[in-house]
Amino acid sequence: MSQFFQVHPDNPQARLVRQAAEIVRDGGLIIYPTDSSYALGCQIGDKAALDRIRQIRRLGADHNFTLVGRSLSELSAYTKLDNRDHRLIRTLTPGPYTFILKATKQVPKRLMHAKRKTIGIRIPDNRIALALLEELGEPLLSSTLMLPGDDTPLMDPYDINQTLGHAVDLVIDGGYCGYEATSVIDLHEDAARVVRVGKGDVSLFAD
């Protein structure tokens, strides 16, 4: 079974955040809260942990993984941003949005969309997630905690631990953080396109 940390959503305990970061650095797969729902997370270059995410969610090669970071400047090394993209993302983050962009050579090929060579990026408005990212000093490879066949992400930390404790190394209980996935905005072509309507307001993209 995984470890189970109860972390305060407003004042995350530094000791628990450090321990969570150590688990990630040691090749662990974690479940952590964001501003939209719970998510799976691991180190960017960790192939074994990535394979575990694929197995849990039964994901194919056409899935867009997401890099979750503290800031756009931290994430910009992994994506090709023009001025339009930069302004738009700065306007909407931190918040419950995932942006799909062309990946740079900093992104391992196995993380990219197989055909389009894209990657998702995200800056969450959640104190536990941001504290963990600060402690790690680098983005997390992440995927929404949604099981095959489900329409919504898992939301109760105790249920999550019962269901997936055998498959991950740590579940962070950050309280209720919602059950809606992020809104996904595809920016890798000329026109911004809403791929998924989730928690983030997409009225800015209405025709």
N, C-alpha and C. Protein backbone atom coordinates (compact mmCIF):
# COMPACT_ATOMS: atom_id res chain seq x y z
N MET A 1 0.83 -1.21 0.00
CA MET A 1 0.00 0.00 0.00
C MET A 1 0.87 1.26 0.00
N SER A 2 0.32 2.32 -0.52
CA SER A 2 1.05 3.58 -0.59
C SER A 2 1.07 4.26 0.77
N GLN A 3 1.91 5.27 0.86
CA GLN A 3 1.84 6.16 2.02
C GLN A 3 0.67 7.11 1.81
N PHE A 4 0.19 7.66 2.92
CA PHE A 4 -0.98 8.54 2.89
C PHE A 4 -0.69 9.75 3.77
N PHE A 5 -0.52 10.92 3.13
CA PHE A 5 -0.21 12.14 3.87
C PHE A 5 -1.44 13.04 3.89
N GLN A 6 -1.81 13.51 5.07
CA GLN A 6 -2.85 14.52 5.18
C GLN A 6 -2.17 15.88 5.26
N VAL A 7 -2.31 16.66 4.19
CA VAL A 7 -1.60 17.93 4.09
C VAL A 7 -2.62 19.06 4.12
N HIS A 8 -2.33 20.08 4.93
CA HIS A 8 -3.27 21.20 5.08
C HIS A 8 -3.36 21.98 3.77
N PRO A 9 -4.58 22.22 3.27
CA PRO A 9 -4.71 22.87 1.95
C PRO A 9 -4.26 24.32 1.91
N ASP A 10 -4.29 25.00 3.06
CA ASP A 10 -3.89 26.42 3.08
C ASP A 10 -2.48 26.62 3.59
N ASN A 11 -2.05 25.76 4.51
CA ASN A 11 -0.69 25.86 5.07
C ASN A 11 -0.03 24.49 5.03
N PRO A 12 0.43 24.08 3.85
CA PRO A 12 1.03 22.74 3.72
C PRO A 12 2.22 22.55 4.66
N GLN A 13 2.24 21.43 5.37
CA GLN A 13 3.31 21.16 6.31
C GLN A 13 4.61 20.90 5.55
N ALA A 14 5.63 21.71 5.84
CA ALA A 14 6.89 21.63 5.10
C ALA A 14 7.51 20.24 5.17
N ARG A 15 7.41 19.58 6.32
CA ARG A 15 8.00 18.25 6.49
C ARG A 15 7.37 17.25 5.53
N LEU A 16 6.04 17.28 5.40
CA LEU A 16 5.35 16.35 4.52
C LEU A 16 5.62 16.67 3.05
N VAL A 17 5.72 17.96 2.75
CA VAL A 17 6.03 18.37 1.37
C VAL A 17 7.41 17.87 0.98
N ARG A 18 8.38 17.99 1.89
CA ARG A 18 9.75 17.49 1.62
C ARG A 18 9.74 15.99 1.40
N GLN A 19 8.99 15.27 2.23
CA GLN A 19 8.93 13.82 2.09
C GLN A 19 8.28 13.43 0.76
N ALA A 20 7.25 14.16 0.35
CA ALA A 20 6.59 13.89 -0.93
C ALA A 20 7.56 14.11 -2.08
N ALA A 21 8.33 15.20 -2.02
CA ALA A 21 9.31 15.49 -3.07
C ALA A 21 10.37 14.40 -3.14
N GLU A 22 10.80 13.88 -1.98
CA GLU A 22 11.79 12.81 -1.95
C GLU A 22 11.24 11.54 -2.62
N ILE A 23 9.97 11.26 -2.39
CA ILE A 23 9.35 10.08 -3.01
C ILE A 23 9.36 10.23 -4.53
N VAL A 24 9.05 11.42 -5.01
CA VAL A 24 9.07 11.67 -6.46
C VAL A 24 10.49 11.49 -7.00
N ARG A 25 11.47 12.09 -6.33
CA ARG A 25 12.87 12.00 -6.79
C ARG A 25 13.37 10.56 -6.80
N ASP A 26 12.84 9.75 -5.90
CA ASP A 26 13.26 8.35 -5.81
C ASP A 26 12.53 7.45 -6.81
N GLY A 27 11.80 8.05 -7.75
CA GLY A 27 11.12 7.28 -8.76
C GLY A 27 9.68 6.94 -8.43
N GLY A 28 9.14 7.62 -7.42
CA GLY A 28 7.79 7.32 -6.99
C GLY A 28 6.72 7.95 -7.87
N LEU A 29 5.55 7.32 -7.84
CA LEU A 29 4.35 7.85 -8.50
C LEU A 29 3.41 8.30 -7.40
N ILE A 30 2.95 9.54 -7.50
CA ILE A 30 2.11 10.10 -6.44
C ILE A 30 0.76 10.55 -6.98
N ILE A 31 -0.19 10.68 -6.07
CA ILE A 31 -1.48 11.32 -6.37
C ILE A 31 -1.54 12.57 -5.51
N TYR A 32 -1.82 13.70 -6.14
CA TYR A 32 -1.77 14.97 -5.44
C TYR A 32 -2.94 15.87 -5.88
N PRO A 33 -3.32 16.84 -5.03
CA PRO A 33 -4.44 17.71 -5.37
C PRO A 33 -4.02 18.88 -6.26
N THR A 34 -4.95 19.33 -7.10
CA THR A 34 -4.74 20.55 -7.89
C THR A 34 -5.96 21.44 -7.69
N ASP A 35 -6.08 22.49 -8.49
CA ASP A 35 -7.22 23.39 -8.37
C ASP A 35 -8.42 22.91 -9.16
N SER A 36 -8.30 21.77 -9.83
CA SER A 36 -9.44 21.23 -10.56
C SER A 36 -9.82 19.85 -10.05
N SER A 37 -8.85 18.98 -9.87
CA SER A 37 -9.11 17.63 -9.39
C SER A 37 -7.80 17.02 -8.92
N TYR A 38 -7.87 15.79 -8.43
CA TYR A 38 -6.64 15.08 -8.09
C TYR A 38 -5.95 14.62 -9.38
N ALA A 39 -4.63 14.45 -9.29
CA ALA A 39 -3.84 14.09 -10.46
C ALA A 39 -2.74 13.11 -10.07
N LEU A 40 -2.27 12.37 -11.07
CA LEU A 40 -1.10 11.51 -10.93
C LEU A 40 0.13 12.31 -11.31
N GLY A 41 1.23 12.11 -10.59
CA GLY A 41 2.44 12.87 -10.91
C GLY A 41 3.71 12.07 -10.67
N CYS A 42 4.75 12.35 -11.49
CA CYS A 42 6.06 11.73 -11.33
C CYS A 42 7.11 12.63 -11.97
N GLN A 43 8.38 12.24 -11.87
CA GLN A 43 9.45 13.01 -12.51
C GLN A 43 9.34 12.92 -14.03
N ILE A 44 9.76 13.98 -14.70
CA ILE A 44 9.64 14.06 -16.15
C ILE A 44 10.37 12.92 -16.86
N GLY A 45 11.56 12.60 -16.42
CA GLY A 45 12.36 11.61 -17.14
C GLY A 45 12.21 10.18 -16.67
N ASP A 46 11.25 9.92 -15.79
CA ASP A 46 11.12 8.60 -15.18
C ASP A 46 10.21 7.71 -16.02
N LYS A 47 10.83 6.85 -16.84
CA LYS A 47 10.06 6.00 -17.76
C LYS A 47 9.19 4.99 -17.01
N ALA A 48 9.73 4.40 -15.94
CA ALA A 48 8.98 3.39 -15.20
C ALA A 48 7.71 3.98 -14.58
N ALA A 49 7.84 5.18 -14.00
CA ALA A 49 6.67 5.83 -13.41
C ALA A 49 5.66 6.22 -14.49
N LEU A 50 6.16 6.69 -15.64
CA LEU A 50 5.28 7.01 -16.76
C LEU A 50 4.50 5.78 -17.21
N ASP A 51 5.18 4.64 -17.29
CA ASP A 51 4.51 3.40 -17.68
C ASP A 51 3.42 3.03 -16.68
N ARG A 52 3.65 3.33 -15.42
CA ARG A 52 2.62 3.05 -14.40
C ARG A 52 1.39 3.93 -14.61
N ILE A 53 1.61 5.19 -14.99
CA ILE A 53 0.47 6.07 -15.29
C ILE A 53 -0.31 5.52 -16.48
N ARG A 54 0.42 5.13 -17.51
CA ARG A 54 -0.24 4.57 -18.70
C ARG A 54 -1.07 3.34 -18.34
N GLN A 55 -0.53 2.51 -17.45
CA GLN A 55 -1.22 1.29 -17.06
C GLN A 55 -2.48 1.60 -16.25
N ILE A 56 -2.37 2.53 -15.29
CA ILE A 56 -3.52 2.89 -14.46
C ILE A 56 -4.64 3.47 -15.30
N ARG A 57 -4.28 4.34 -16.24
CA ARG A 57 -5.29 5.03 -17.04
C ARG A 57 -5.55 4.36 -18.40
N ARG A 58 -4.74 3.34 -18.72
CA ARG A 58 -4.85 2.64 -20.01
C ARG A 58 -4.77 3.64 -21.17
N LEU A 59 -3.68 4.37 -21.19
CA LEU A 59 -3.49 5.44 -22.17
C LEU A 59 -2.72 4.95 -23.38
N GLY A 60 -3.08 5.45 -24.55
CA GLY A 60 -2.38 5.13 -25.78
C GLY A 60 -1.35 6.18 -26.13
N ALA A 61 -0.71 6.01 -27.28
CA ALA A 61 0.35 6.92 -27.72
C ALA A 61 -0.18 8.30 -28.12
N ASP A 62 -1.49 8.43 -28.31
CA ASP A 62 -2.05 9.71 -28.74
C ASP A 62 -2.46 10.58 -27.55
N HIS A 63 -2.12 10.15 -26.34
CA HIS A 63 -2.50 10.95 -25.17
C HIS A 63 -1.53 12.12 -24.98
N ASN A 64 -2.08 13.30 -24.68
CA ASN A 64 -1.24 14.46 -24.36
C ASN A 64 -0.97 14.49 -22.85
N PHE A 65 0.26 14.18 -22.47
CA PHE A 65 0.65 14.34 -21.07
C PHE A 65 0.85 15.82 -20.77
N THR A 66 0.87 16.14 -19.49
CA THR A 66 0.98 17.54 -19.07
C THR A 66 2.18 17.72 -18.15
N LEU A 67 2.91 18.81 -18.35
CA LEU A 67 3.95 19.22 -17.43
C LEU A 67 3.38 20.30 -16.54
N VAL A 68 3.37 20.05 -15.24
CA VAL A 68 2.80 20.98 -14.27
C VAL A 68 3.94 21.72 -13.60
N GLY A 69 3.92 23.04 -13.67
CA GLY A 69 5.01 23.84 -13.13
C GLY A 69 4.54 25.01 -12.31
N ARG A 70 5.52 25.71 -11.72
CA ARG A 70 5.22 26.86 -10.86
C ARG A 70 4.95 28.12 -11.65
N SER A 71 5.57 28.22 -12.83
CA SER A 71 5.48 29.48 -13.58
C SER A 71 5.68 29.22 -15.06
N LEU A 72 5.29 30.19 -15.85
CA LEU A 72 5.47 30.08 -17.29
C LEU A 72 6.95 30.10 -17.65
N SER A 73 7.75 30.85 -16.92
CA SER A 73 9.18 30.90 -17.21
C SER A 73 9.81 29.52 -16.99
N GLU A 74 9.35 28.79 -15.98
CA GLU A 74 9.87 27.45 -15.72
C GLU A 74 9.48 26.47 -16.83
N LEU A 75 8.25 26.62 -17.34
CA LEU A 75 7.73 25.70 -18.35
C LEU A 75 8.16 26.04 -19.77
N SER A 76 8.61 27.27 -19.97
CA SER A 76 8.90 27.72 -21.34
C SER A 76 10.06 26.95 -21.99
N ALA A 77 10.91 26.32 -21.18
CA ALA A 77 12.00 25.53 -21.75
C ALA A 77 11.49 24.29 -22.47
N TYR A 78 10.28 23.88 -22.17
CA TYR A 78 9.74 22.64 -22.72
C TYR A 78 8.77 22.86 -23.87
N THR A 79 8.41 24.12 -24.14
CA THR A 79 7.41 24.40 -25.17
C THR A 79 7.83 25.58 -26.03
N LYS A 80 7.28 25.59 -27.26
CA LYS A 80 7.54 26.69 -28.19
C LYS A 80 6.42 27.71 -28.07
N LEU A 81 6.74 28.87 -27.50
CA LEU A 81 5.76 29.91 -27.20
C LEU A 81 5.99 31.13 -28.07
N ASP A 82 4.93 31.60 -28.72
CA ASP A 82 5.05 32.91 -29.37
C ASP A 82 4.43 33.95 -28.45
N ASN A 83 4.44 35.21 -28.86
CA ASN A 83 3.95 36.28 -28.00
C ASN A 83 2.47 36.12 -27.66
N ARG A 84 1.69 35.66 -28.64
CA ARG A 84 0.26 35.47 -28.39
C ARG A 84 0.04 34.43 -27.30
N ASP A 85 0.74 33.30 -27.42
CA ASP A 85 0.58 32.23 -26.44
C ASP A 85 1.01 32.71 -25.05
N HIS A 86 2.11 33.43 -25.01
CA HIS A 86 2.65 33.91 -23.75
C HIS A 86 1.64 34.82 -23.05
N ARG A 87 1.07 35.76 -23.77
CA ARG A 87 0.09 36.69 -23.18
C ARG A 87 -1.15 35.96 -22.70
N LEU A 88 -1.63 35.03 -23.51
CA LEU A 88 -2.84 34.30 -23.17
C LEU A 88 -2.65 33.47 -21.91
N ILE A 89 -1.55 32.73 -21.85
CA ILE A 89 -1.31 31.87 -20.70
C ILE A 89 -1.11 32.69 -19.44
N ARG A 90 -0.41 33.79 -19.56
CA ARG A 90 -0.21 34.66 -18.39
C ARG A 90 -1.55 35.20 -17.88
N THR A 91 -2.48 35.46 -18.80
CA THR A 91 -3.79 35.98 -18.41
C THR A 91 -4.59 34.95 -17.61
N LEU A 92 -4.47 33.68 -17.97
CA LEU A 92 -5.33 32.64 -17.42
C LEU A 92 -4.68 31.80 -16.31
N THR A 93 -3.43 32.05 -15.99
CA THR A 93 -2.78 31.25 -14.96
C THR A 93 -2.26 32.11 -13.82
N PRO A 94 -2.11 31.49 -12.62
CA PRO A 94 -2.46 30.11 -12.31
C PRO A 94 -3.97 29.88 -12.35
N GLY A 95 -4.36 28.70 -12.80
CA GLY A 95 -5.77 28.39 -12.91
C GLY A 95 -5.99 27.03 -13.53
N PRO A 96 -7.25 26.60 -13.63
CA PRO A 96 -7.58 25.23 -14.08
C PRO A 96 -7.59 25.07 -15.59
N TYR A 97 -6.45 25.33 -16.20
CA TYR A 97 -6.32 25.22 -17.65
C TYR A 97 -5.10 24.38 -18.01
N THR A 98 -5.23 23.61 -19.08
CA THR A 98 -4.09 22.93 -19.69
C THR A 98 -3.94 23.46 -21.10
N PHE A 99 -2.72 23.84 -21.47
CA PHE A 99 -2.45 24.39 -22.80
C PHE A 99 -1.58 23.42 -23.57
N ILE A 100 -2.02 23.07 -24.78
CA ILE A 100 -1.26 22.16 -25.63
C ILE A 100 -0.41 22.98 -26.59
N LEU A 101 0.89 22.71 -26.57
CA LEU A 101 1.84 23.48 -27.37
C LEU A 101 2.85 22.52 -28.02
N LYS A 102 3.55 23.01 -29.03
CA LYS A 102 4.62 22.22 -29.63
C LYS A 102 5.74 22.06 -28.60
N ALA A 103 6.24 20.83 -28.50
CA ALA A 103 7.28 20.52 -27.52
C ALA A 103 8.67 20.85 -28.07
N THR A 104 9.57 21.20 -27.17
CA THR A 104 10.97 21.40 -27.54
C THR A 104 11.73 20.08 -27.34
N LYS A 105 13.02 20.10 -27.66
CA LYS A 105 13.84 18.91 -27.50
C LYS A 105 14.11 18.55 -26.04
N GLN A 106 13.71 19.46 -25.13
CA GLN A 106 13.85 19.18 -23.70
C GLN A 106 12.87 18.11 -23.24
N VAL A 107 11.82 17.88 -24.02
CA VAL A 107 10.77 16.93 -23.64
C VAL A 107 11.11 15.55 -24.22
N PRO A 108 11.22 14.53 -23.38
CA PRO A 108 11.45 13.17 -23.92
C PRO A 108 10.35 12.78 -24.92
N LYS A 109 10.74 12.14 -25.99
CA LYS A 109 9.78 11.80 -27.05
C LYS A 109 8.61 10.97 -26.54
N ARG A 110 8.88 10.12 -25.56
CA ARG A 110 7.80 9.25 -25.07
C ARG A 110 6.70 10.02 -24.35
N LEU A 111 6.95 11.31 -24.02
CA LEU A 111 5.92 12.12 -23.36
C LEU A 111 5.06 12.88 -24.36
N MET A 112 5.54 13.02 -25.58
CA MET A 112 4.83 13.83 -26.57
C MET A 112 3.68 13.05 -27.20
N HIS A 113 2.73 13.81 -27.76
CA HIS A 113 1.74 13.21 -28.63
C HIS A 113 2.49 12.59 -29.80
N ALA A 114 2.20 11.33 -30.11
CA ALA A 114 3.01 10.57 -31.06
C ALA A 114 3.13 11.22 -32.43
N LYS A 115 2.06 11.82 -32.92
CA LYS A 115 2.07 12.37 -34.27
C LYS A 115 2.36 13.87 -34.30
N ARG A 116 1.81 14.60 -33.34
CA ARG A 116 1.88 16.07 -33.42
C ARG A 116 3.07 16.66 -32.67
N LYS A 117 3.76 15.84 -31.88
CA LYS A 117 4.93 16.30 -31.11
C LYS A 117 4.57 17.48 -30.20
N THR A 118 3.47 17.31 -29.50
CA THR A 118 2.99 18.36 -28.59
C THR A 118 3.06 17.87 -27.15
N ILE A 119 2.95 18.83 -26.23
CA ILE A 119 2.92 18.54 -24.79
C ILE A 119 1.97 19.54 -24.15
N GLY A 120 1.32 19.13 -23.08
CA GLY A 120 0.48 20.05 -22.33
C GLY A 120 1.28 20.72 -21.22
N ILE A 121 0.92 21.95 -20.90
CA ILE A 121 1.52 22.62 -19.73
C ILE A 121 0.41 23.17 -18.86
N ARG A 122 0.73 23.32 -17.57
CA ARG A 122 -0.30 23.73 -16.62
C ARG A 122 0.33 24.37 -15.41
N ILE A 123 -0.28 25.45 -14.91
CA ILE A 123 0.16 26.12 -13.69
C ILE A 123 -1.04 26.16 -12.74
N PRO A 124 -1.10 25.27 -11.76
CA PRO A 124 -2.29 25.17 -10.92
C PRO A 124 -2.34 26.23 -9.83
N ASP A 125 -3.54 26.57 -9.44
CA ASP A 125 -3.76 27.51 -8.33
C ASP A 125 -4.12 26.68 -7.10
N ASN A 126 -3.13 25.97 -6.59
CA ASN A 126 -3.33 25.10 -5.43
C ASN A 126 -2.06 25.14 -4.59
N ARG A 127 -2.20 25.45 -3.32
CA ARG A 127 -1.02 25.68 -2.48
C ARG A 127 -0.20 24.42 -2.24
N ILE A 128 -0.87 23.28 -2.14
CA ILE A 128 -0.11 22.04 -1.95
C ILE A 128 0.70 21.71 -3.19
N ALA A 129 0.05 21.79 -4.35
CA ALA A 129 0.76 21.51 -5.61
C ALA A 129 1.93 22.47 -5.80
N LEU A 130 1.72 23.75 -5.54
CA LEU A 130 2.78 24.74 -5.74
C LEU A 130 3.92 24.54 -4.73
N ALA A 131 3.58 24.16 -3.49
CA ALA A 131 4.62 23.90 -2.49
C ALA A 131 5.46 22.69 -2.90
N LEU A 132 4.81 21.68 -3.42
CA LEU A 132 5.53 20.49 -3.89
C LEU A 132 6.44 20.83 -5.06
N LEU A 133 5.93 21.61 -6.00
CA LEU A 133 6.73 22.02 -7.15
C LEU A 133 7.91 22.88 -6.72
N GLU A 134 7.70 23.73 -5.74
CA GLU A 134 8.78 24.57 -5.22
C GLU A 134 9.88 23.70 -4.60
N GLU A 135 9.47 22.70 -3.86
CA GLU A 135 10.43 21.80 -3.21
C GLU A 135 11.18 20.97 -4.25
N LEU A 136 10.49 20.52 -5.29
CA LEU A 136 11.13 19.73 -6.35
C LEU A 136 12.09 20.57 -7.18
N GLY A 137 11.71 21.83 -7.42
CA GLY A 137 12.54 22.70 -8.24
C GLY A 137 12.44 22.43 -9.72
N GLU A 138 11.44 21.65 -10.13
CA GLU A 138 11.23 21.33 -11.54
C GLU A 138 9.78 20.91 -11.73
N PRO A 139 9.29 20.91 -12.97
CA PRO A 139 7.90 20.50 -13.22
C PRO A 139 7.67 19.02 -12.94
N LEU A 140 6.41 18.68 -12.71
CA LEU A 140 5.97 17.30 -12.59
C LEU A 140 5.35 16.86 -13.91
N LEU A 141 5.62 15.64 -14.30
CA LEU A 141 4.85 15.01 -15.37
C LEU A 141 3.53 14.58 -14.74
N SER A 142 2.42 14.94 -15.37
CA SER A 142 1.15 14.75 -14.69
C SER A 142 0.04 14.30 -15.64
N SER A 143 -0.99 13.68 -15.03
CA SER A 143 -2.16 13.25 -15.76
C SER A 143 -3.35 13.26 -14.81
N THR A 144 -4.50 13.72 -15.27
CA THR A 144 -5.70 13.76 -14.44
C THR A 144 -6.02 12.37 -13.89
N LEU A 145 -6.43 12.30 -12.63
CA LEU A 145 -6.74 11.02 -12.01
C LEU A 145 -8.15 10.57 -12.42
N MET A 146 -8.22 10.04 -13.62
CA MET A 146 -9.49 9.55 -14.15
C MET A 146 -9.28 8.11 -14.61
N LEU A 147 -10.08 7.20 -14.08
CA LEU A 147 -9.92 5.80 -14.41
C LEU A 147 -10.61 5.45 -15.73
N PRO A 148 -10.16 4.40 -16.39
CA PRO A 148 -10.77 4.00 -17.66
C PRO A 148 -12.28 3.80 -17.53
N GLY A 149 -13.02 4.39 -18.46
CA GLY A 149 -14.47 4.26 -18.44
C GLY A 149 -15.20 5.29 -17.63
N ASP A 150 -14.47 6.06 -16.79
CA ASP A 150 -15.10 7.10 -15.98
C ASP A 150 -15.22 8.40 -16.75
N ASP A 151 -16.24 9.19 -16.41
CA ASP A 151 -16.44 10.50 -17.03
C ASP A 151 -15.86 11.63 -16.19
N THR A 152 -15.64 11.38 -14.91
CA THR A 152 -15.12 12.41 -14.02
C THR A 152 -13.95 11.85 -13.21
N PRO A 153 -13.04 12.73 -12.76
CA PRO A 153 -11.90 12.27 -11.96
C PRO A 153 -12.34 11.76 -10.59
N LEU A 154 -11.50 10.90 -9.98
CA LEU A 154 -11.72 10.49 -8.60
C LEU A 154 -11.53 11.70 -7.69
N MET A 155 -12.32 11.79 -6.62
CA MET A 155 -12.31 13.03 -5.82
C MET A 155 -12.12 12.83 -4.33
N ASP A 156 -12.41 11.65 -3.78
CA ASP A 156 -12.31 11.43 -2.34
C ASP A 156 -10.97 10.75 -2.02
N PRO A 157 -10.10 11.42 -1.23
CA PRO A 157 -8.76 10.87 -0.98
C PRO A 157 -8.78 9.47 -0.37
N TYR A 158 -9.76 9.19 0.49
CA TYR A 158 -9.82 7.87 1.12
C TYR A 158 -10.22 6.81 0.11
N ASP A 159 -11.19 7.13 -0.74
CA ASP A 159 -11.57 6.22 -1.81
C ASP A 159 -10.40 6.00 -2.78
N ILE A 160 -9.69 7.10 -3.07
CA ILE A 160 -8.53 7.02 -3.97
C ILE A 160 -7.50 6.06 -3.39
N ASN A 161 -7.25 6.17 -2.08
CA ASN A 161 -6.26 5.31 -1.44
C ASN A 161 -6.70 3.85 -1.46
N GLN A 162 -7.99 3.63 -1.23
CA GLN A 162 -8.51 2.26 -1.27
C GLN A 162 -8.41 1.67 -2.67
N THR A 163 -8.69 2.51 -3.68
CA THR A 163 -8.74 2.03 -5.07
C THR A 163 -7.36 1.88 -5.69
N LEU A 164 -6.46 2.84 -5.40
CA LEU A 164 -5.18 2.88 -6.11
C LEU A 164 -3.95 2.82 -5.21
N GLY A 165 -4.17 2.60 -3.91
CA GLY A 165 -3.03 2.55 -2.99
C GLY A 165 -2.01 1.51 -3.36
N HIS A 166 -2.46 0.42 -3.99
CA HIS A 166 -1.54 -0.66 -4.39
C HIS A 166 -0.71 -0.28 -5.61
N ALA A 167 -1.15 0.76 -6.34
CA ALA A 167 -0.55 1.08 -7.64
C ALA A 167 0.33 2.32 -7.62
N VAL A 168 0.32 3.09 -6.51
CA VAL A 168 1.11 4.31 -6.40
C VAL A 168 1.92 4.27 -5.11
N ASP A 169 2.81 5.24 -4.95
CA ASP A 169 3.68 5.27 -3.77
C ASP A 169 3.21 6.24 -2.69
N LEU A 170 2.39 7.20 -3.09
CA LEU A 170 1.91 8.20 -2.13
C LEU A 170 0.59 8.78 -2.59
N VAL A 171 -0.34 8.89 -1.65
CA VAL A 171 -1.57 9.66 -1.88
C VAL A 171 -1.53 10.85 -0.93
N ILE A 172 -1.61 12.06 -1.49
CA ILE A 172 -1.66 13.28 -0.68
C ILE A 172 -3.12 13.68 -0.51
N ASP A 173 -3.60 13.64 0.71
CA ASP A 173 -4.95 14.09 1.02
C ASP A 173 -4.89 15.59 1.27
N GLY A 174 -5.38 16.34 0.27
CA GLY A 174 -5.42 17.79 0.40
C GLY A 174 -6.85 18.29 0.55
N GLY A 175 -7.75 17.39 0.97
CA GLY A 175 -9.15 17.77 1.12
C GLY A 175 -9.87 17.75 -0.22
N TYR A 176 -11.04 18.30 -0.21
CA TYR A 176 -11.85 18.33 -1.43
C TYR A 176 -11.28 19.37 -2.39
N CYS A 177 -11.01 18.97 -3.61
CA CYS A 177 -10.49 19.94 -4.58
C CYS A 177 -11.28 19.91 -5.88
N GLY A 178 -12.42 19.25 -5.88
CA GLY A 178 -13.27 19.27 -7.06
C GLY A 178 -13.21 17.99 -7.86
N TYR A 179 -14.05 17.91 -8.84
CA TYR A 179 -14.14 16.70 -9.66
C TYR A 179 -14.16 17.03 -11.15
N GLU A 180 -13.90 18.29 -11.49
CA GLU A 180 -13.84 18.67 -12.89
C GLU A 180 -12.39 18.68 -13.36
N ALA A 181 -12.17 18.12 -14.53
CA ALA A 181 -10.85 18.23 -15.14
C ALA A 181 -10.62 19.66 -15.62
N THR A 182 -9.40 19.96 -16.02
CA THR A 182 -9.09 21.29 -16.54
C THR A 182 -9.78 21.51 -17.89
N SER A 183 -9.95 22.77 -18.24
CA SER A 183 -10.27 23.10 -19.63
C SER A 183 -8.97 23.00 -20.42
N VAL A 184 -9.06 22.41 -21.60
CA VAL A 184 -7.86 22.19 -22.42
C VAL A 184 -7.93 23.08 -23.66
N ILE A 185 -6.88 23.90 -23.84
CA ILE A 185 -6.81 24.82 -24.96
C ILE A 185 -5.62 24.43 -25.83
N ASP A 186 -5.90 24.14 -27.10
CA ASP A 186 -4.85 23.75 -28.04
C ASP A 186 -4.30 24.99 -28.72
N LEU A 187 -3.02 25.25 -28.49
CA LEU A 187 -2.36 26.44 -29.06
C LEU A 187 -1.26 26.07 -30.06
N HIS A 188 -1.20 24.82 -30.46
CA HIS A 188 -0.05 24.42 -31.28
C HIS A 188 -0.22 24.79 -32.75
N GLU A 189 -1.42 25.26 -33.15
CA GLU A 189 -1.63 25.75 -34.50
C GLU A 189 -1.94 27.24 -34.46
N ASP A 190 -2.28 27.82 -35.59
CA ASP A 190 -2.45 29.27 -35.66
C ASP A 190 -3.59 29.78 -34.78
N ALA A 191 -4.72 29.09 -34.76
CA ALA A 191 -5.88 29.54 -34.00
C ALA A 191 -6.02 28.71 -32.73
N ALA A 192 -6.29 29.40 -31.61
CA ALA A 192 -6.54 28.71 -30.36
C ALA A 192 -7.84 27.91 -30.47
N ARG A 193 -7.82 26.67 -29.95
CA ARG A 193 -8.99 25.80 -30.07
C ARG A 193 -9.28 25.14 -28.73
N VAL A 194 -10.54 25.21 -28.29
CA VAL A 194 -10.95 24.55 -27.05
C VAL A 194 -11.15 23.07 -27.34
N VAL A 195 -10.33 22.24 -26.71
CA VAL A 195 -10.39 20.80 -26.91
C VAL A 195 -11.32 20.15 -25.90
N ARG A 196 -11.31 20.68 -24.68
CA ARG A 196 -12.17 20.14 -23.62
C ARG A 196 -12.64 21.28 -22.74
N VAL A 197 -13.93 21.33 -22.48
CA VAL A 197 -14.49 22.32 -21.55
C VAL A 197 -14.49 21.68 -20.17
N GLY A 198 -13.76 22.28 -19.26
CA GLY A 198 -13.68 21.77 -17.89
C GLY A 198 -13.97 22.89 -16.91
N LYS A 199 -13.18 22.94 -15.86
CA LYS A 199 -13.44 23.91 -14.79
C LYS A 199 -13.13 25.35 -15.23
N GLY A 200 -12.11 25.53 -16.05
CA GLY A 200 -11.72 26.87 -16.45
C GLY A 200 -12.71 27.50 -17.43
N ASP A 201 -13.01 28.76 -17.23
CA ASP A 201 -13.94 29.50 -18.11
C ASP A 201 -13.34 29.64 -19.51
N VAL A 202 -14.09 29.20 -20.52
CA VAL A 202 -13.59 29.26 -21.89
C VAL A 202 -14.31 30.31 -22.74
N SER A 203 -15.05 31.21 -22.08
CA SER A 203 -15.81 32.22 -22.83
C SER A 203 -14.90 33.14 -23.63
N LEU A 204 -13.65 33.26 -23.21
CA LEU A 204 -12.69 34.07 -23.95
C LEU A 204 -12.48 33.56 -25.36
N PHE A 205 -12.75 32.27 -25.57
CA PHE A 205 -12.50 31.63 -26.87
C PHE A 205 -13.77 31.49 -27.71
N ALA A 206 -14.87 32.04 -27.22
CA ALA A 206 -16.13 31.94 -27.97
C ALA A 206 -16.04 32.76 -29.25
N ASP A 207 -16.65 32.23 -30.31
CA ASP A 207 -16.63 32.93 -31.60
C ASP A 207 -17.48 34.20 -31.53
